[in-house]
PDB file of N, CA and C in Angstrom:
ATOM      1  N   MET A   1     108.770 121.552  89.306  1.00  0.00           N
ATOM      2  CA  MET A   1     107.390 121.955  89.577  1.00  0.00           C
ATOM      3  C   MET A   1     106.762 121.738  88.584  1.00  0.00           C
ATOM      4  N   ASP A   2     106.053 120.492  89.452  1.00  0.00           N
ATOM      5  CA  ASP A   2     105.173 119.636  88.602  1.00  0.00           C
ATOM      6  C   ASP A   2     104.196 120.557  87.951  1.00  0.00           C
ATOM      7  N   ALA A   3     103.931 120.623  86.406  1.00  0.00           N
ATOM      8  CA  ALA A   3     102.407 122.013  86.619  1.00  0.00           C
ATOM      9  C   ALA A   3     101.023 121.217  85.779  1.00  0.00           C
ATOM     10  N   ARG A   4     100.954 120.046  86.490  1.00  0.00           N
ATOM     11  CA  ARG A   4     100.040 119.323  85.812  1.00  0.00           C
ATOM     12  C   ARG A   4      98.328 120.485  86.289  1.00  0.00           C
ATOM     13  N   ALA A   5      98.363 120.531  87.254  1.00  0.00           N
ATOM     14  CA  ALA A   5      96.926 121.278  87.545  1.00  0.00           C
ATOM     15  C   ALA A   5      96.803 122.422  86.541  1.00  0.00           C
ATOM     16  N   PHE A   6      97.718 122.940  85.906  1.00  0.00           N
ATOM     17  CA  PHE A   6      97.812 124.005  85.068  1.00  0.00           C
ATOM     18  C   PHE A   6      97.891 123.531  83.116  1.00  0.00           C
ATOM     19  N   ARG A   7      98.459 122.478  82.635  1.00  0.00           N
ATOM     20  CA  ARG A   7      98.838 122.171  81.296  1.00  0.00           C
ATOM     21  C   ARG A   7      97.520 120.562  80.865  1.00  0.00           C
ATOM     22  N   LYS A   8      96.836 120.310  82.214  1.00  0.00           N
ATOM     23  CA  LYS A   8      96.048 118.841  81.753  1.00  0.00           C
ATOM     24  C   LYS A   8      94.265 119.420  82.148  1.00  0.00           C
ATOM     25  N   ASN A   9      94.103 118.633  81.205  1.00  0.00           N
ATOM     26  CA  ASN A   9      92.594 118.808  80.843  1.00  0.00           C
ATOM     27  C   ASN A   9      91.976 118.323  81.815  1.00  0.00           C
ATOM     28  N   TRP A  10      91.212 118.148  82.346  1.00  0.00           N
ATOM     29  CA  TRP A  10      90.699 117.312  84.507  1.00  0.00           C
ATOM     30  C   TRP A  10      89.646 117.450  84.506  1.00  0.00           C
ATOM     31  N   PRO A  11      89.327 116.164  84.521  1.00  0.00           N
ATOM     32  CA  PRO A  11      87.581 116.499  84.780  1.00  0.00           C
ATOM     33  C   PRO A  11      86.602 117.520  85.478  1.00  0.00           C
ATOM     34  N   PRO A  12      85.426 117.041  85.604  1.00  0.00           N
ATOM     35  CA  PRO A  12      85.095 118.321  86.437  1.00  0.00           C
ATOM     36  C   PRO A  12      84.868 118.459  87.238  1.00  0.00           C
ATOM     37  N   LYS A  13      85.265 118.957  88.556  1.00  0.00           N
ATOM     38  CA  LYS A  13      85.252 118.978  89.906  1.00  0.00           C
ATOM     39  C   LYS A  13      86.293 118.232  89.900  1.00  0.00           C
ATOM     40  N   THR A  14      87.022 118.392  89.792  1.00  0.00           N
ATOM     41  CA  THR A  14      88.566 117.783  90.155  1.00  0.00           C
ATOM     42  C   THR A  14      89.165 118.755  90.857  1.00  0.00           C
ATOM     43  N   ARG A  15      89.492 117.536  92.275  1.00  0.00           N
ATOM     44  CA  ARG A  15      90.392 118.743  93.357  1.00  0.00           C
ATOM     45  C   ARG A  15      92.145 118.296  93.254  1.00  0.00           C
ATOM     46  N   LEU A  16      93.118 119.015  92.834  1.00  0.00           N
ATOM     47  CA  LEU A  16      94.309 118.761  92.937  1.00  0.00           C
ATOM     48  C   LEU A  16      94.978 118.903  94.030  1.00  0.00           C
ATOM     49  N   TYR A  17      95.333 118.468  94.641  1.00  0.00           N
ATOM     50  CA  TYR A  17      96.312 118.644  96.621  1.00  0.00           C
ATOM     51  C   TYR A  17      97.377 118.684  95.842  1.00  0.00           C
ATOM     52  N   GLU A  18      98.194 119.677  96.056  1.00  0.00           N
ATOM     53  CA  GLU A  18      99.665 119.885  95.626  1.00  0.00           C
ATOM     54  C   GLU A  18     100.334 119.970  97.037  1.00  0.00           C
ATOM     55  N   LEU A  19     101.641 118.543  97.664  1.00  0.00           N
ATOM     56  CA  LEU A  19     101.969 119.235  98.967  1.00  0.00           C
ATOM     57  C   LEU A  19     103.521 118.985  98.797  1.00  0.00           C
ATOM     58  N   ASP A  20     104.137 119.864  99.820  1.00  0.00           N
ATOM     59  CA  ASP A  20     105.945 120.007  99.295  1.00  0.00           C
ATOM     60  C   ASP A  20     105.890 120.155 100.638  1.00  0.00           C
ATOM     61  N   ARG A  21     107.377 121.109 101.010  1.00  0.00           N
ATOM     62  CA  ARG A  21     107.753 121.854 101.556  1.00  0.00           C
ATOM     63  C   ARG A  21     107.129 123.334 101.372  1.00  0.00           C
ATOM     64  N   PRO A  22     107.244 123.802 102.412  1.00  0.00           N
ATOM     65  CA  PRO A  22     106.602 125.585 102.016  1.00  0.00           C
ATOM     66  C   PRO A  22     107.829 126.222 101.527  1.00  0.00           C
ATOM     67  N   GLU A  23     109.150 125.999 101.152  1.00  0.00           N
ATOM     68  CA  GLU A  23     109.684 126.810 100.553  1.00  0.00           C
ATOM     69  C   GLU A  23     109.223 126.622  98.939  1.00  0.00           C
ATOM     70  N   PRO A  24     109.594 124.863  98.326  1.00  0.00           N
ATOM     71  CA  PRO A  24     108.899 125.082  97.156  1.00  0.00           C
ATOM     72  C   PRO A  24     107.805 126.122  96.822  1.00  0.00           C
ATOM     73  N   LEU A  25     106.985 125.508  97.008  1.00  0.00           N
ATOM     74  CA  LEU A  25     105.687 125.991  97.277  1.00  0.00           C
ATOM     75  C   LEU A  25     105.112 127.532  97.367  1.00  0.00           C
ATOM     76  N   ASN A  26     106.482 128.311  97.441  1.00  0.00           N
ATOM     77  CA  ASN A  26     106.295 129.584  97.773  1.00  0.00           C
ATOM     78  C   ASN A  26     107.088 129.954  96.589  1.00  0.00           C
ATOM     79  N   THR A  27     108.356 129.609  95.912  1.00  0.00           N
ATOM     80  CA  THR A  27     108.883 129.506  95.052  1.00  0.00           C
ATOM     81  C   THR A  27     108.136 129.495  93.359  1.00  0.00           C
ATOM     82  N   LYS A  28     106.987 128.283  93.780  1.00  0.00           N
ATOM     83  CA  LYS A  28     107.019 127.812  92.697  1.00  0.00           C
ATOM     84  C   LYS A  28     104.898 129.517  92.545  1.00  0.00           C
ATOM     85  N   GLU A  29     104.960 129.401  93.632  1.00  0.00           N
ATOM     86  CA  GLU A  29     103.381 130.110  93.555  1.00  0.00           C
ATOM     87  C   GLU A  29     104.174 131.441  92.558  1.00  0.00           C
ATOM     88  N   ALA A  30     105.358 132.256  93.031  1.00  0.00           N
ATOM     89  CA  ALA A  30     105.646 133.200  92.532  1.00  0.00           C
ATOM     90  C   ALA A  30     106.059 133.192  90.312  1.00  0.00           C
ATOM     91  N   ILE A  31     106.219 132.136  90.367  1.00  0.00           N
ATOM     92  CA  ILE A  31     106.656 131.165  88.836  1.00  0.00           C
ATOM     93  C   ILE A  31     105.108 131.801  88.424  1.00  0.00           C
ATOM     94  N   VAL A  32     104.123 131.103  89.532  1.00  0.00           N
ATOM     95  CA  VAL A  32     102.539 130.941  88.833  1.00  0.00           C
ATOM     96  C   VAL A  32     101.662 132.583  88.404  1.00  0.00           C
ATOM     97  N   ALA A  33     102.339 133.501  89.655  1.00  0.00           N
ATOM     98  CA  ALA A  33     101.966 134.380  90.092  1.00  0.00           C
ATOM     99  C   ALA A  33     102.497 134.834  88.464  1.00  0.00           C
ATOM    100  N   ARG A  34     103.623 135.231  88.307  1.00  0.00           N
ATOM    101  CA  ARG A  34     104.693 135.878  87.041  1.00  0.00           C
ATOM    102  C   ARG A  34     103.765 136.042  85.498  1.00  0.00           C
ATOM    103  N   ALA A  35     103.078 134.575  85.889  1.00  0.00           N
ATOM    104  CA  ALA A  35     102.751 133.558  84.166  1.00  0.00           C
ATOM    105  C   ALA A  35     101.472 134.202  84.408  1.00  0.00           C
ATOM    106  N   GLU A  36     100.975 134.702  85.044  1.00  0.00           N
ATOM    107  CA  GLU A  36      99.279 134.423  85.760  1.00  0.00           C
ATOM    108  C   GLU A  36      98.592 132.746  84.793  1.00  0.00           C
ATOM    109  N   ALA A  37      99.330 132.596  85.219  1.00  0.00           N
ATOM    110  CA  ALA A  37      99.136 130.755  85.116  1.00  0.00           C
ATOM    111  C   ALA A  37      97.344 130.563  85.962  1.00  0.00           C
ATOM    112  N   GLN A  38      96.554 129.682  85.354  1.00  0.00           N
ATOM    113  CA  GLN A  38      95.330 129.680  85.660  1.00  0.00           C
ATOM    114  C   GLN A  38      95.364 127.756  85.360  1.00  0.00           C
ATOM    115  N   ALA A  39      94.730 127.246  86.758  1.00  0.00           N
ATOM    116  CA  ALA A  39      94.475 125.803  87.063  1.00  0.00           C
ATOM    117  C   ALA A  39      94.251 125.288  86.339  1.00  0.00           C
ATOM    118  N   THR A  40      93.883 124.403  86.049  1.00  0.00           N
ATOM    119  CA  THR A  40      92.405 123.647  84.725  1.00  0.00           C
ATOM    120  C   THR A  40      91.366 122.892  86.405  1.00  0.00           C
ATOM    121  N   CYS A  41      91.697 122.694  87.178  1.00  0.00           N
ATOM    122  CA  CYS A  41      91.163 122.378  87.608  1.00  0.00           C
ATOM    123  C   CYS A  41      90.901 122.732  89.325  1.00  0.00           C
ATOM    124  N   GLU A  42      90.689 122.671  90.479  1.00  0.00           N
ATOM    125  CA  GLU A  42      90.622 123.167  92.306  1.00  0.00           C
ATOM    126  C   GLU A  42      91.835 122.923  92.096  1.00  0.00           C
ATOM    127  N   ARG A  43      92.522 123.683  92.670  1.00  0.00           N
ATOM    128  CA  ARG A  43      94.395 123.405  93.447  1.00  0.00           C
ATOM    129  C   ARG A  43      94.061 123.944  94.091  1.00  0.00           C
ATOM    130  N   ARG A  44      94.964 123.617  95.503  1.00  0.00           N
ATOM    131  CA  ARG A  44      94.938 123.433  96.689  1.00  0.00           C
ATOM    132  C   ARG A  44      96.317 122.794  97.042  1.00  0.00           C
ATOM    133  N   THR A  45      97.540 123.730  97.470  1.00  0.00           N
ATOM    134  CA  THR A  45      98.248 123.762  97.915  1.00  0.00           C
ATOM    135  C   THR A  45      98.869 123.985  99.453  1.00  0.00           C
ATOM    136  N   ILE A  46      99.694 122.533  99.833  1.00  0.00           N
ATOM    137  CA  ILE A  46      99.732 122.248 101.293  1.00  0.00           C
ATOM    138  C   ILE A  46     101.451 122.320 101.725  1.00  0.00           C
ATOM    139  N   GLY A  47     101.446 123.394 102.638  1.00  0.00           N
ATOM    140  CA  GLY A  47     103.236 123.276 103.032  1.00  0.00           C
ATOM    141  C   GLY A  47     103.171 122.321 103.268  1.00  0.00           C
ATOM    142  N   VAL A  48     103.193 121.675 103.871  1.00  0.00           N
ATOM    143  CA  VAL A  48     104.581 120.598 104.842  1.00  0.00           C
ATOM    144  C   VAL A  48     105.434 119.568 104.329  1.00  0.00           C
ATOM    145  N   ASP A  49     106.056 118.995 105.213  1.00  0.00           N
ATOM    146  CA  ASP A  49     107.217 117.514 104.647  1.00  0.00           C
ATOM    147  C   ASP A  49     106.637 116.837 105.033  1.00  0.00           C
ATOM    148  N   LEU A  50     106.792 115.790 104.140  1.00  0.00           N
ATOM    149  CA  LEU A  50     105.662 114.634 104.345  1.00  0.00           C
ATOM    150  C   LEU A  50     107.039 113.011 104.825  1.00  0.00           C
ATOM    151  N   ARG A  51     108.489 114.094 105.290  1.00  0.00           N
ATOM    152  CA  ARG A  51     108.910 113.209 106.314  1.00  0.00           C
ATOM    153  C   ARG A  51     108.234 113.244 107.903  1.00  0.00           C
ATOM    154  N   GLN A  52     107.069 114.499 108.388  1.00  0.00           N
ATOM    155  CA  GLN A  52     106.868 114.617 109.630  1.00  0.00           C
ATOM    156  C   GLN A  52     104.685 114.061 109.011  1.00  0.00           C
ATOM    157  N   SER A  53     104.707 112.923 110.606  1.00  0.00           N
ATOM    158  CA  SER A  53     103.963 112.381 110.562  1.00  0.00           C
ATOM    159  C   SER A  53     102.233 113.769 110.416  1.00  0.00           C
ATOM    160  N   SER A  54     102.643 114.453 110.341  1.00  0.00           N
ATOM    161  CA  SER A  54     101.984 116.226 110.441  1.00  0.00           C
ATOM    162  C   SER A  54     101.212 116.282 109.397  1.00  0.00           C
ATOM    163  N   TRP A  55     101.309 115.626 108.380  1.00  0.00           N
ATOM    164  CA  TRP A  55     101.014 116.232 106.809  1.00  0.00           C
ATOM    165  C   TRP A  55      99.519 115.533 106.620  1.00  0.00           C
ATOM    166  N   PRO A  56      98.869 114.341 106.974  1.00  0.00           N
ATOM    167  CA  PRO A  56      98.288 113.681 107.304  1.00  0.00           C
ATOM    168  C   PRO A  56      96.673 115.040 107.302  1.00  0.00           C
ATOM    169  N   GLN A  57      96.747 115.253 108.592  1.00  0.00           N
ATOM    170  CA  GLN A  57      96.242 115.758 109.310  1.00  0.00           C
ATOM    171  C   GLN A  57      95.921 117.525 108.659  1.00  0.00           C
ATOM    172  N   ALA A  58      96.888 118.017 108.221  1.00  0.00           N
ATOM    173  CA  ALA A  58      96.893 119.054 106.669  1.00  0.00           C
ATOM    174  C   ALA A  58      96.468 118.492 105.729  1.00  0.00           C
ATOM    175  N   LEU A  59      96.089 117.603 105.460  1.00  0.00           N
ATOM    176  CA  LEU A  59      95.539 117.269 103.836  1.00  0.00           C
ATOM    177  C   LEU A  59      94.895 117.222 104.424  1.00  0.00           C
ATOM    178  N   LEU A  60      93.914 117.349 105.882  1.00  0.00           N
ATOM    179  CA  LEU A  60      92.240 116.964 105.774  1.00  0.00           C
ATOM    180  C   LEU A  60      91.348 118.403 106.339  1.00  0.00           C
ATOM    181  N   ASP A  61      92.583 118.933 106.339  1.00  0.00           N
ATOM    182  CA  ASP A  61      92.230 120.279 107.426  1.00  0.00           C
ATOM    183  C   ASP A  61      91.510 121.254 105.819  1.00  0.00           C
ATOM    184  N   ALA A  62      92.891 120.765 104.811  1.00  0.00           N
ATOM    185  CA  ALA A  62      92.521 121.458 103.809  1.00  0.00           C
ATOM    186  C   ALA A  62      91.823 121.246 102.452  1.00  0.00           C
ATOM    187  N   GLY A  63      90.731 120.159 103.164  1.00  0.00           N
ATOM    188  CA  GLY A  63      89.539 119.423 102.958  1.00  0.00           C
ATOM    189  C   GLY A  63      89.542 118.528 101.999  1.00  0.00           C
ATOM    190  N   TYR A  64      90.665 117.729 102.088  1.00  0.00           N
ATOM    191  CA  TYR A  64      90.710 116.570 101.452  1.00  0.00           C
ATOM    192  C   TYR A  64      89.885 115.007 102.308  1.00  0.00           C
ATOM    193  N   GLU A  65      88.932 114.886 100.983  1.00  0.00           N
ATOM    194  CA  GLU A  65      88.485 113.953 101.359  1.00  0.00           C
ATOM    195  C   GLU A  65      88.379 112.513 101.379  1.00  0.00           C
ATOM    196  N   VAL A  66      88.456 111.754 102.793  1.00  0.00           N
ATOM    197  CA  VAL A  66      88.673 110.432 102.637  1.00  0.00           C
ATOM    198  C   VAL A  66      88.071 109.472 101.889  1.00  0.00           C
ATOM    199  N   ARG A  67      86.679 109.008 101.997  1.00  0.00           N
ATOM    200  CA  ARG A  67      85.572 108.829 100.919  1.00  0.00           C
ATOM    201  C   ARG A  67      85.416 108.419  99.695  1.00  0.00           C
ATOM    202  N   LYS A  68      86.519 109.409  99.356  1.00  0.00           N
ATOM    203  CA  LYS A  68      86.249 110.333  97.591  1.00  0.00           C
ATOM    204  C   LYS A  68      87.833 109.425  96.766  1.00  0.00           C
ATOM    205  N   PRO A  69      87.530 108.833  95.374  1.00  0.00           N
ATOM    206  CA  PRO A  69      88.180 108.588  94.797  1.00  0.00           C
ATOM    207  C   PRO A  69      89.254 109.178  94.783  1.00  0.00           C
ATOM    208  N   ALA A  70      91.032 108.781  94.768  1.00  0.00           N
ATOM    209  CA  ALA A  70      91.861 109.730  95.194  1.00  0.00           C
ATOM    210  C   ALA A  70      92.947 108.847  94.005  1.00  0.00           C
ATOM    211  N   ALA A  71      93.684 109.616  93.370  1.00  0.00           N
ATOM    212  CA  ALA A  71      94.899 108.871  92.307  1.00  0.00           C
ATOM    213  C   ALA A  71      95.977 109.948  93.330  1.00  0.00           C
ATOM    214  N   TRP A  72      97.280 109.339  93.488  1.00  0.00           N
ATOM    215  CA  TRP A  72      98.804 109.846  93.919  1.00  0.00           C
ATOM    216  C   TRP A  72      99.520 110.311  93.331  1.00  0.00           C
ATOM    217  N   LEU A  73      99.877 110.398  93.290  1.00  0.00           N
ATOM    218  CA  LEU A  73     101.489 111.471  92.399  1.00  0.00           C
ATOM    219  C   LEU A  73     102.937 111.535  93.089  1.00  0.00           C
ATOM    220  N   MET A  74     103.585 110.482  93.675  1.00  0.00           N
ATOM    221  CA  MET A  74     105.058 110.857  94.022  1.00  0.00           C
ATOM    222  C   MET A  74     106.132 111.303  92.903  1.00  0.00           C
ATOM    223  N   GLU A  75     105.999 111.690  92.257  1.00  0.00           N
ATOM    224  CA  GLU A  75     107.157 111.382  90.867  1.00  0.00           C
ATOM    225  C   GLU A  75     108.536 112.365  91.775  1.00  0.00           C
ATOM    226  N   GLY A  76     109.726 111.443  91.102  1.00  0.00           N
ATOM    227  CA  GLY A  76     110.673 112.297  92.017  1.00  0.00           C
ATOM    228  C   GLY A  76     111.256 112.148  93.997  1.00  0.00           C
ATOM    229  N   LEU A  77     109.855 111.424  94.585  1.00  0.00           N
ATOM    230  CA  LEU A  77     110.000 111.489  95.625  1.00  0.00           C
ATOM    231  C   LEU A  77     110.472 111.094  96.690  1.00  0.00           C
ATOM    232  N   LEU A  78     110.213 109.452  96.284  1.00  0.00           N
ATOM    233  CA  LEU A  78     110.875 108.384  97.695  1.00  0.00           C
ATOM    234  C   LEU A  78     111.990 107.982  97.348  1.00  0.00           C
ATOM    235  N   PHE A  79     111.990 108.211  96.116  1.00  0.00           N
ATOM    236  CA  PHE A  79     114.365 108.101  96.027  1.00  0.00           C
ATOM    237  C   PHE A  79     115.327 109.162  97.174  1.00  0.00           C
ATOM    238  N   TYR A  80     114.427 110.342  97.392  1.00  0.00           N
ATOM    239  CA  TYR A  80     115.013 111.089  98.903  1.00  0.00           C
ATOM    240  C   TYR A  80     114.840 110.740  99.998  1.00  0.00           C
ATOM    241  N   MET A  81     113.741 109.849 100.239  1.00  0.00           N
ATOM    242  CA  MET A  81     113.476 109.714 101.503  1.00  0.00           C
ATOM    243  C   MET A  81     114.028 108.443 101.865  1.00  0.00           C
ATOM    244  N   THR A  82     114.255 107.898 103.247  1.00  0.00           N
ATOM    245  CA  THR A  82     114.984 106.669 103.843  1.00  0.00           C
ATOM    246  C   THR A  82     114.069 105.635 103.503  1.00  0.00           C
ATOM    247  N   GLU A  83     114.241 104.511 102.966  1.00  0.00           N
ATOM    248  CA  GLU A  83     113.434 102.685 103.417  1.00  0.00           C
ATOM    249  C   GLU A  83     112.047 103.076 104.101  1.00  0.00           C
ATOM    250  N   ALA A  84     112.988 103.773 105.554  1.00  0.00           N
ATOM    251  CA  ALA A  84     111.448 103.311 106.747  1.00  0.00           C
ATOM    252  C   ALA A  84     110.563 104.702 106.369  1.00  0.00           C
ATOM    253  N   THR A  85     110.737 105.461 105.806  1.00  0.00           N
ATOM    254  CA  THR A  85     109.851 106.984 105.883  1.00  0.00           C
ATOM    255  C   THR A  85     109.229 106.535 105.007  1.00  0.00           C
ATOM    256  N   VAL A  86     109.583 105.632 103.686  1.00  0.00           N
ATOM    257  CA  VAL A  86     109.118 105.783 102.313  1.00  0.00           C
ATOM    258  C   VAL A  86     107.468 104.381 102.950  1.00  0.00           C
ATOM    259  N   HIS A  87     107.911 103.715 104.008  1.00  0.00           N
ATOM    260  CA  HIS A  87     106.474 102.835 104.177  1.00  0.00           C
ATOM    261  C   HIS A  87     106.251 103.374 104.853  1.00  0.00           C
ATOM    262  N   ILE A  88     106.291 104.656 105.509  1.00  0.00           N
ATOM    263  CA  ILE A  88     105.850 105.057 106.994  1.00  0.00           C
ATOM    264  C   ILE A  88     104.863 106.681 105.911  1.00  0.00           C
ATOM    265  N   LEU A  89     105.494 106.330 104.593  1.00  0.00           N
ATOM    266  CA  LEU A  89     104.370 107.512 104.285  1.00  0.00           C
ATOM    267  C   LEU A  89     103.775 106.871 102.878  1.00  0.00           C
ATOM    268  N   LEU A  90     104.099 105.353 103.131  1.00  0.00           N
ATOM    269  CA  LEU A  90     102.806 104.738 101.875  1.00  0.00           C
ATOM    270  C   LEU A  90     101.537 103.507 103.118  1.00  0.00           C
ATOM    271  N   ASP A  91     101.717 104.585 104.285  1.00  0.00           N
ATOM    272  CA  ASP A  91     101.174 103.486 105.740  1.00  0.00           C
ATOM    273  C   ASP A  91      99.957 104.622 105.620  1.00  0.00           C
ATOM    274  N   SER A  92     100.655 106.003 105.520  1.00  0.00           N
ATOM    275  CA  SER A  92      99.197 107.051 105.655  1.00  0.00           C
ATOM    276  C   SER A  92      98.883 107.105 104.855  1.00  0.00           C
ATOM    277  N   ILE A  93      99.162 106.790 103.019  1.00  0.00           N
ATOM    278  CA  ILE A  93      98.473 107.293 102.337  1.00  0.00           C
ATOM    279  C   ILE A  93      97.455 105.615 102.132  1.00  0.00           C
ATOM    280  N   SER A  94      97.574 105.135 102.326  1.00  0.00           N
ATOM    281  CA  SER A  94      96.954 104.013 102.297  1.00  0.00           C
ATOM    282  C   SER A  94      95.112 104.127 102.923  1.00  0.00           C
ATOM    283  N   GLU A  95      96.002 104.854 104.518  1.00  0.00           N
ATOM    284  CA  GLU A  95      94.911 105.238 105.367  1.00  0.00           C
ATOM    285  C   GLU A  95      94.106 105.799 105.102  1.00  0.00           C
ATOM    286  N   LEU A  96      94.262 107.116 104.071  1.00  0.00           N
ATOM    287  CA  LEU A  96      93.970 108.219 103.808  1.00  0.00           C
ATOM    288  C   LEU A  96      93.279 107.567 102.096  1.00  0.00           C
ATOM    289  N   THR A  97      93.166 106.817 101.906  1.00  0.00           N
ATOM    290  CA  THR A  97      92.631 106.462 100.189  1.00  0.00           C
ATOM    291  C   THR A  97      91.492 105.247 100.695  1.00  0.00           C
ATOM    292  N   ALA A  98      90.439 105.513  99.844  1.00  0.00           N
ATOM    293  CA  ALA A  98      89.675 105.183  99.804  1.00  0.00           C
ATOM    294  C   ALA A  98      89.686 103.695  99.293  1.00  0.00           C
ATOM    295  N   PRO A  99      88.796 102.198  99.077  1.00  0.00           N
ATOM    296  CA  PRO A  99      89.456 101.322  98.715  1.00  0.00           C
ATOM    297  C   PRO A  99      88.711 101.279  97.105  1.00  0.00           C
TER     298      PRO A  99
END
């Protein structure tokens, strides 16, 4: 359960999108609420399965702007996916990322 949204000093106007399956996100939200943790950036959580083709639209619906600079972190994720799924995921990310 990454805590970068809470422990880093983000530049002003940074928006962090946290995508994960709903179950882990719900667990994390309960922990965050109990700890009364405050994000140091604008944090938006999106309960999706990144192996499904619907996640890009969920990200866009949450306010993600394709034309703005973005950095992607997939720490500890790709290992659990098949090679084909990883390629599909990376292709989707490439389509969503500004040059």
